[in-house]
């Protein structure tokens, strides 16, 4: 009896890993339930509380869950109404209510069928938190309280990119657990918790 109970508990723990943050603006696929104007089908409530990425020995691996089917959107598989204007610089907001230091970065896949190889890092123009290098936005706090739980970032889009459906990808790599010799509030070389979510956009 005990092994069965343990197996059930472990299964629930894997299926409901806290992602520690999500993309608020534009709204991530896993969080569309937060906007009453966007279509979703039950049981997608609280999807922004389910991680779709984990870190295993420093290598990002998709976390496959069988409890939730793939989200099916009503407009050819992508969210309607999220259209970016003809601008070089866009603004995004990330919510980090359970952050553990570290940094996040943004990538763009400018094709309809996304693959890992199609994503390119987007340069950060400015951010409400410190920057490290051209692409990383540091999260210099642990379990932040307002207003530090929302980070605003301005990103530079690649020149000339147009797409009817493309994907922004947000990747947050914590500095937890600590203990590495190079640990700081923005980075650790040791294996660390890593979380990711995506949003479907159009660039006209």
Protein backbone atom coordinates (compact mmCIF):
# COMPACT_ATOMS: atom_id res chain seq x y z
CA UNK A 1 0.00 0.00 0.00
CA UNK A 2 2.77 2.43 0.87
CA UNK A 3 4.51 2.19 -2.56
CA UNK A 4 1.21 3.04 -4.28
CA UNK A 5 0.72 6.13 -2.11
CA UNK A 6 4.29 7.28 -2.76
CA UNK A 7 3.86 6.80 -6.53
CA UNK A 8 0.69 8.91 -6.54
CA UNK A 9 2.37 11.70 -4.58
CA UNK A 10 5.38 11.73 -6.91
CA UNK A 11 3.09 11.81 -9.94
CA UNK A 12 1.26 14.84 -8.60
CA UNK A 13 4.53 16.57 -7.77
CA UNK A 14 5.76 16.20 -11.35
CA UNK A 15 2.47 17.32 -12.89
CA UNK A 16 2.18 20.49 -10.82
CA UNK A 17 5.64 22.01 -10.64
CA UNK A 18 5.50 25.71 -9.78
CA UNK A 19 7.01 27.65 -12.70
CA UNK A 20 7.88 30.63 -10.48
CA UNK A 21 6.92 33.07 -13.22
CA UNK A 22 5.22 33.55 -16.58
CA UNK A 23 4.92 35.93 -19.50
CA UNK A 24 2.14 38.43 -18.70
CA UNK A 25 2.25 40.76 -21.73
CA UNK A 26 1.71 39.35 -24.24
CA UNK A 27 0.00 36.54 -22.40
CA UNK A 28 1.62 33.08 -22.46
CA UNK A 29 -0.21 30.08 -23.90
CA UNK A 30 -0.35 28.46 -20.48
CA UNK A 31 -2.01 31.52 -18.92
CA UNK A 32 -4.84 32.37 -21.29
CA UNK A 33 -7.34 31.63 -18.54
CA UNK A 34 -6.24 34.93 -16.94
CA UNK A 35 -7.87 36.91 -19.77
CA UNK A 36 -11.64 36.38 -19.99
CA UNK A 37 -11.62 37.63 -23.59
CA UNK A 38 -9.38 34.82 -24.86
CA UNK A 39 -10.75 31.38 -25.75
CA UNK A 40 -9.83 28.30 -23.79
CA UNK A 41 -11.43 25.03 -22.87
CA UNK A 42 -11.50 23.43 -19.42
CA UNK A 43 -9.45 22.07 -17.68
CA UNK A 44 -7.03 24.89 -18.48
CA UNK A 45 -7.62 26.85 -15.27
CA UNK A 46 -4.38 27.64 -13.47
CA UNK A 47 -2.22 26.41 -16.35
CA UNK A 48 0.32 29.12 -15.54
CA UNK A 49 0.96 27.10 -12.38
CA UNK A 50 2.22 24.12 -14.40
CA UNK A 51 5.80 24.02 -15.62
CA UNK A 52 6.54 22.92 -19.18
CA UNK A 53 10.29 22.77 -18.72
CA UNK A 54 12.67 21.35 -16.18
CA UNK A 55 16.43 21.33 -15.88
CA UNK A 56 18.26 18.02 -15.64
CA UNK A 57 21.97 18.41 -14.96
CA UNK A 58 21.91 21.80 -16.63
CA UNK A 59 20.22 20.55 -19.82
CA UNK A 60 16.69 21.72 -20.50
CA UNK A 61 14.25 18.86 -21.04
CA UNK A 62 10.52 19.14 -21.83
CA UNK A 63 8.34 17.97 -18.98
CA UNK A 64 5.72 15.70 -20.54
CA UNK A 65 2.42 15.48 -18.69
CA UNK A 66 -0.46 13.24 -19.66
CA UNK A 67 -2.96 14.99 -17.40
CA UNK A 68 -3.47 18.00 -19.67
CA UNK A 69 -4.10 17.78 -23.41
CA UNK A 70 -2.53 20.25 -25.79
CA UNK A 71 -4.35 23.58 -25.86
CA UNK A 72 -6.45 23.94 -29.02
CA UNK A 73 -7.13 27.52 -30.05
CA UNK A 74 -10.06 28.64 -32.14
CA UNK A 75 -8.15 30.60 -34.78
CA UNK A 76 -5.88 28.28 -36.77
CA UNK A 77 -4.00 27.22 -33.68
CA UNK A 78 -2.85 30.62 -32.43
CA UNK A 79 -4.26 33.33 -30.24
CA UNK A 80 -6.26 35.96 -32.11
CA UNK A 81 -5.87 39.65 -31.38
CA UNK A 82 -2.21 39.73 -30.38
CA UNK A 83 -0.81 41.74 -33.28
CA UNK A 84 2.40 43.67 -32.87
CA UNK A 85 2.65 46.96 -34.79
CA UNK A 86 5.39 47.73 -37.31
CA UNK A 87 7.96 48.61 -34.65
CA UNK A 88 11.57 47.65 -34.09
CA UNK A 89 11.19 47.69 -30.27
CA UNK A 90 8.42 45.96 -28.32
CA UNK A 91 7.62 45.86 -24.60
CA UNK A 92 6.90 42.71 -22.61
CA UNK A 93 6.07 42.08 -18.95
CA UNK A 94 6.94 39.00 -16.92
CA UNK A 95 5.37 38.02 -13.61
CA UNK A 96 7.81 36.51 -11.11
CA UNK A 97 5.89 35.81 -7.93
CA UNK A 98 8.10 32.89 -6.84
CA UNK A 99 11.47 33.91 -8.24
CA UNK A 100 14.75 32.53 -6.88
CA UNK A 101 17.33 34.94 -8.30
CA UNK A 102 18.79 34.06 -11.73
CA UNK A 103 17.87 35.64 -15.07
CA UNK A 104 15.49 35.34 -18.00
CA UNK A 105 15.86 35.89 -21.72
CA UNK A 106 13.54 36.15 -24.72
CA UNK A 107 13.72 34.41 -28.07
CA UNK A 108 11.77 34.64 -31.32
CA UNK A 109 10.91 31.89 -33.79
CA UNK A 110 9.76 33.70 -36.93
CA UNK A 111 8.12 30.72 -38.60
CA UNK A 112 4.75 29.06 -38.13
CA UNK A 113 6.08 25.60 -37.32
CA UNK A 114 8.33 26.15 -34.32
CA UNK A 115 11.38 24.01 -33.62
CA UNK A 116 14.18 24.43 -31.09
CA UNK A 117 16.53 25.40 -33.91
CA UNK A 118 14.41 28.30 -35.17
CA UNK A 119 14.62 30.41 -31.99
CA UNK A 120 16.98 33.39 -31.87
CA UNK A 121 17.77 35.52 -28.82
CA UNK A 122 16.31 39.04 -28.80
CA UNK A 123 18.55 41.90 -27.62
CA UNK A 124 17.29 43.77 -24.56
CA UNK A 125 17.07 47.55 -25.05
CA UNK A 126 16.10 48.34 -21.44
CA UNK A 127 14.56 46.64 -18.42
CA UNK A 128 13.19 47.46 -14.97
CA UNK A 129 15.80 45.12 -13.47
CA UNK A 130 19.59 44.97 -14.06
CA UNK A 131 20.96 43.57 -17.31
CA UNK A 132 23.85 41.22 -17.85
CA UNK A 133 25.21 41.36 -21.35
CA UNK A 134 22.93 41.92 -24.32
CA UNK A 135 20.27 39.31 -23.65
CA UNK A 136 19.90 38.51 -19.94
CA UNK A 137 17.56 40.29 -17.51
CA UNK A 138 18.71 39.63 -13.95
CA UNK A 139 16.26 38.79 -11.16
CA UNK A 140 18.19 39.96 -8.07
CA UNK A 141 15.70 38.79 -5.45
CA UNK A 142 14.10 35.75 -3.86
CA UNK A 143 10.30 35.47 -3.59
CA UNK A 144 9.75 39.12 -4.55
CA UNK A 145 6.93 41.30 -3.31
CA UNK A 146 5.24 44.02 -5.41
CA UNK A 147 6.37 45.93 -7.38
CA UNK A 148 9.42 43.71 -7.97
CA UNK A 149 7.26 40.75 -8.95
CA UNK A 150 6.57 42.32 -12.37
CA UNK A 151 9.53 42.97 -14.69
CA UNK A 152 9.13 45.21 -17.74
CA UNK A 153 11.50 44.70 -20.67
CA UNK A 154 11.91 46.41 -24.05
CA UNK A 155 13.17 44.09 -26.78
CA UNK A 156 14.57 44.75 -30.24
CA UNK A 157 12.97 42.73 -33.02
CA UNK A 158 15.04 41.59 -35.99
CA UNK A 159 14.80 44.03 -38.89
CA UNK A 160 12.33 43.10 -41.60
CA UNK A 161 10.71 40.16 -39.80
CA UNK A 162 7.05 39.60 -40.68
CA UNK A 163 4.93 36.61 -39.74
CA UNK A 164 1.26 35.75 -39.46
CA UNK A 165 2.12 33.32 -36.68
CA UNK A 166 5.42 33.29 -34.82
CA UNK A 167 6.47 32.44 -31.29
CA UNK A 168 8.03 34.41 -28.45
CA UNK A 169 9.76 32.16 -25.93
CA UNK A 170 10.51 33.20 -22.34
CA UNK A 171 13.13 31.19 -20.45
CA UNK A 172 13.80 31.83 -16.77
CA UNK A 173 16.88 30.14 -15.28
CA UNK A 174 17.02 30.53 -11.52
CA UNK A 175 20.16 30.61 -9.39
CA UNK A 176 18.69 27.88 -7.22
CA UNK A 177 20.03 25.80 -5.67
CA UNK A 178 23.08 27.84 -4.76
CA UNK A 179 26.45 26.56 -3.65
CA UNK A 180 28.53 26.84 -6.83
CA UNK A 181 31.76 28.83 -6.54
CA UNK A 182 30.56 31.32 -9.17
CA UNK A 183 27.05 31.74 -7.71
CA UNK A 184 25.59 35.22 -7.76
CA UNK A 185 22.11 36.74 -7.89
CA UNK A 186 22.03 36.57 -11.69
CA UNK A 187 23.81 33.35 -12.61
CA UNK A 188 25.19 30.01 -11.47
CA UNK A 189 27.05 27.46 -13.56
CA UNK A 190 25.58 24.65 -11.47
CA UNK A 191 22.42 22.83 -12.61
CA UNK A 192 19.50 25.10 -11.73
CA UNK A 193 15.73 25.19 -11.90
CA UNK A 194 14.71 26.40 -15.35
CA UNK A 195 11.22 27.39 -16.51
CA UNK A 196 9.84 28.30 -19.90
CA UNK A 197 6.65 29.37 -21.62
CA UNK A 198 5.67 30.70 -25.04
CA UNK A 199 3.21 33.09 -26.63
CA UNK A 200 1.88 33.11 -30.18
CA UNK A 201 2.04 36.48 -31.94
CA UNK A 202 1.80 38.09 -35.35
CA UNK A 203 4.20 40.72 -36.66
CA UNK A 204 2.75 42.83 -39.48
